[in-house]
Amino acid sequence: MAECIRREINTMPSWEFYNDNDQALRMPAVVTRDNLGVLAALIVAHNHDLSNPDYDDMVRDLYETVKNLQYSYESCHISDG
C-alpha cells in the first residue's frame, strides 16, 4: 500500500506566480472567498422547499446568508500571505 508523504511548505509562492500560471492551484483563501456565493446558494437551497419556491424569500435569505458568510470569512482572518 502506497504511503502518502506530506511535505511542509514554509513559504507560499508570490501572487505573480498564480497570475502567470493559469494552471496553478489558486491560494486556499482565494478559492474560499470565491466560493462563498456558491456555498450560500447551497445553504439557501437546503433550507427552502424548492418544489414550491417563494423567490422573494429565497433572495432575501440568500442576501443574509452571503452577508453572514462574508462576516465569518473576515472574522476568521483567512489569509495566505
C-alpha atoms as a PDB file:
ATOM      1  CA  MET A   1       0.000   0.000   0.000  1.00  0.00           C
ATOM      2  CA  ALA A   2       1.459   3.338  -1.020  1.00  0.00           C
ATOM      3  CA  GLU A   3       2.126   5.764   1.746  1.00  0.00           C
ATOM      4  CA  CYS A   4       1.288   9.413   1.246  1.00  0.00           C
ATOM      5  CA  ILE A   5       4.110  11.738   2.206  1.00  0.00           C
ATOM      6  CA  ARG A   6       3.127  15.264   3.139  1.00  0.00           C
ATOM      7  CA  ARG A   7       5.782  17.931   2.928  1.00  0.00           C
ATOM      8  CA  GLU A   8       5.542  21.161   4.855  1.00  0.00           C
ATOM      9  CA  ILE A   9       5.713  24.248   2.648  1.00  0.00           C
ATOM     10  CA  ASN A  10       7.274  27.123   4.528  1.00  0.00           C
ATOM     11  CA  THR A  11       6.593  29.879   2.023  1.00  0.00           C
ATOM     12  CA  MET A  12       3.777  30.424  -0.408  1.00  0.00           C
ATOM     13  CA  PRO A  13       4.594  31.471  -3.967  1.00  0.00           C
ATOM     14  CA  SER A  14       4.054  35.115  -4.767  1.00  0.00           C
ATOM     15  CA  TRP A  15       0.804  36.340  -6.316  1.00  0.00           C
ATOM     16  CA  GLU A  16       2.645  36.763  -9.624  1.00  0.00           C
ATOM     17  CA  PHE A  17       3.149  33.007  -9.761  1.00  0.00           C
ATOM     18  CA  TYR A  18      -0.621  32.463  -9.769  1.00  0.00           C
ATOM     19  CA  ASN A  19      -1.253  35.292 -12.227  1.00  0.00           C
ATOM     20  CA  ASP A  20       1.377  33.963 -14.652  1.00  0.00           C
ATOM     21  CA  ASN A  21       0.451  30.266 -14.382  1.00  0.00           C
ATOM     22  CA  ASP A  22      -3.197  29.749 -15.207  1.00  0.00           C
ATOM     23  CA  GLN A  23      -2.985  26.023 -14.454  1.00  0.00           C
ATOM     24  CA  ALA A  24      -1.563  26.532 -10.961  1.00  0.00           C
ATOM     25  CA  LEU A  25      -3.792  25.819  -7.996  1.00  0.00           C
ATOM     26  CA  ARG A  26      -5.135  29.034  -6.504  1.00  0.00           C
ATOM     27  CA  MET A  27      -4.355  30.053  -2.937  1.00  0.00           C
ATOM     28  CA  PRO A  28      -6.845  28.484  -0.493  1.00  0.00           C
ATOM     29  CA  ALA A  29      -8.008  31.877   0.808  1.00  0.00           C
ATOM     30  CA  VAL A  30      -8.865  32.971  -2.744  1.00  0.00           C
ATOM     31  CA  VAL A  31     -10.734  29.752  -3.501  1.00  0.00           C
ATOM     32  CA  THR A  32     -12.616  30.038  -0.214  1.00  0.00           C
ATOM     33  CA  ARG A  33     -13.571  33.663  -0.841  1.00  0.00           C
ATOM     34  CA  ASP A  34     -14.587  32.987  -4.430  1.00  0.00           C
ATOM     35  CA  ASN A  35     -16.891  30.140  -3.395  1.00  0.00           C
ATOM     36  CA  LEU A  36     -18.838  31.926  -0.651  1.00  0.00           C
ATOM     37  CA  GLY A  37     -21.690  32.643  -3.087  1.00  0.00           C
ATOM     38  CA  VAL A  38     -21.923  29.006  -4.138  1.00  0.00           C
ATOM     39  CA  LEU A  39     -21.941  27.932  -0.502  1.00  0.00           C
ATOM     40  CA  ALA A  40     -24.664  30.482   0.268  1.00  0.00           C
ATOM     41  CA  ALA A  41     -26.810  29.184  -2.615  1.00  0.00           C
ATOM     42  CA  LEU A  42     -26.423  25.605  -1.367  1.00  0.00           C
ATOM     43  CA  ILE A  43     -27.412  26.629   2.158  1.00  0.00           C
ATOM     44  CA  VAL A  44     -30.483  28.508   0.885  1.00  0.00           C
ATOM     45  CA  ALA A  45     -31.486  25.607  -1.358  1.00  0.00           C
ATOM     46  CA  HIS A  46     -31.218  23.238   1.597  1.00  0.00           C
ATOM     47  CA  ASN A  47     -33.364  25.484   3.804  1.00  0.00           C
ATOM     48  CA  HIS A  48     -36.221  26.046   1.332  1.00  0.00           C
ATOM     49  CA  ASP A  49     -38.892  23.912  -0.297  1.00  0.00           C
ATOM     50  CA  LEU A  50     -37.777  24.069  -3.925  1.00  0.00           C
ATOM     51  CA  SER A  51     -40.908  22.276  -5.139  1.00  0.00           C
ATOM     52  CA  ASN A  52     -42.925  25.367  -4.174  1.00  0.00           C
ATOM     53  CA  PRO A  53     -40.393  28.228  -4.079  1.00  0.00           C
ATOM     54  CA  ASP A  54     -41.038  31.676  -2.684  1.00  0.00           C
ATOM     55  CA  TYR A  55     -38.462  33.539  -4.758  1.00  0.00           C
ATOM     56  CA  ASP A  56     -38.656  36.782  -2.795  1.00  0.00           C
ATOM     57  CA  ASP A  57     -38.000  34.921   0.457  1.00  0.00           C
ATOM     58  CA  MET A  58     -35.160  32.950  -1.133  1.00  0.00           C
ATOM     59  CA  VAL A  59     -33.471  36.121  -2.439  1.00  0.00           C
ATOM     60  CA  ARG A  60     -33.717  37.783   0.982  1.00  0.00           C
ATOM     61  CA  ASP A  61     -32.355  34.626   2.618  1.00  0.00           C
ATOM     62  CA  LEU A  62     -29.545  34.432   0.049  1.00  0.00           C
ATOM     63  CA  TYR A  63     -28.585  38.054   0.755  1.00  0.00           C
ATOM     64  CA  GLU A  64     -28.498  37.435   4.523  1.00  0.00           C
ATOM     65  CA  THR A  65     -26.584  34.179   4.093  1.00  0.00           C
ATOM     66  CA  VAL A  66     -23.966  35.859   1.884  1.00  0.00           C
ATOM     67  CA  LYS A  67     -23.570  38.647   4.470  1.00  0.00           C
ATOM     68  CA  ASN A  68     -23.149  36.093   7.267  1.00  0.00           C
ATOM     69  CA  LEU A  69     -20.597  34.062   5.314  1.00  0.00           C
ATOM     70  CA  GLN A  70     -18.625  37.176   4.384  1.00  0.00           C
ATOM     71  CA  TYR A  71     -18.636  38.298   8.017  1.00  0.00           C
ATOM     72  CA  SER A  72     -17.417  34.852   9.083  1.00  0.00           C
ATOM     73  CA  TYR A  73     -14.720  34.870   6.385  1.00  0.00           C
ATOM     74  CA  GLU A  74     -13.457  38.264   7.570  1.00  0.00           C
ATOM     75  CA  SER A  75     -13.679  37.389  11.274  1.00  0.00           C
ATOM     76  CA  CYS A  76     -11.626  34.229  10.723  1.00  0.00           C
ATOM     77  CA  HIS A  77      -8.832  36.403   9.265  1.00  0.00           C
ATOM     78  CA  ILE A  78      -8.324  33.919   6.443  1.00  0.00           C
ATOM     79  CA  SER A  79      -5.207  34.839   4.530  1.00  0.00           C
ATOM     80  CA  ASP A  80      -2.484  33.146   2.548  1.00  0.00           C
ATOM     81  CA  GLY A  81       0.133  35.744   2.988  1.00  0.00           C
END
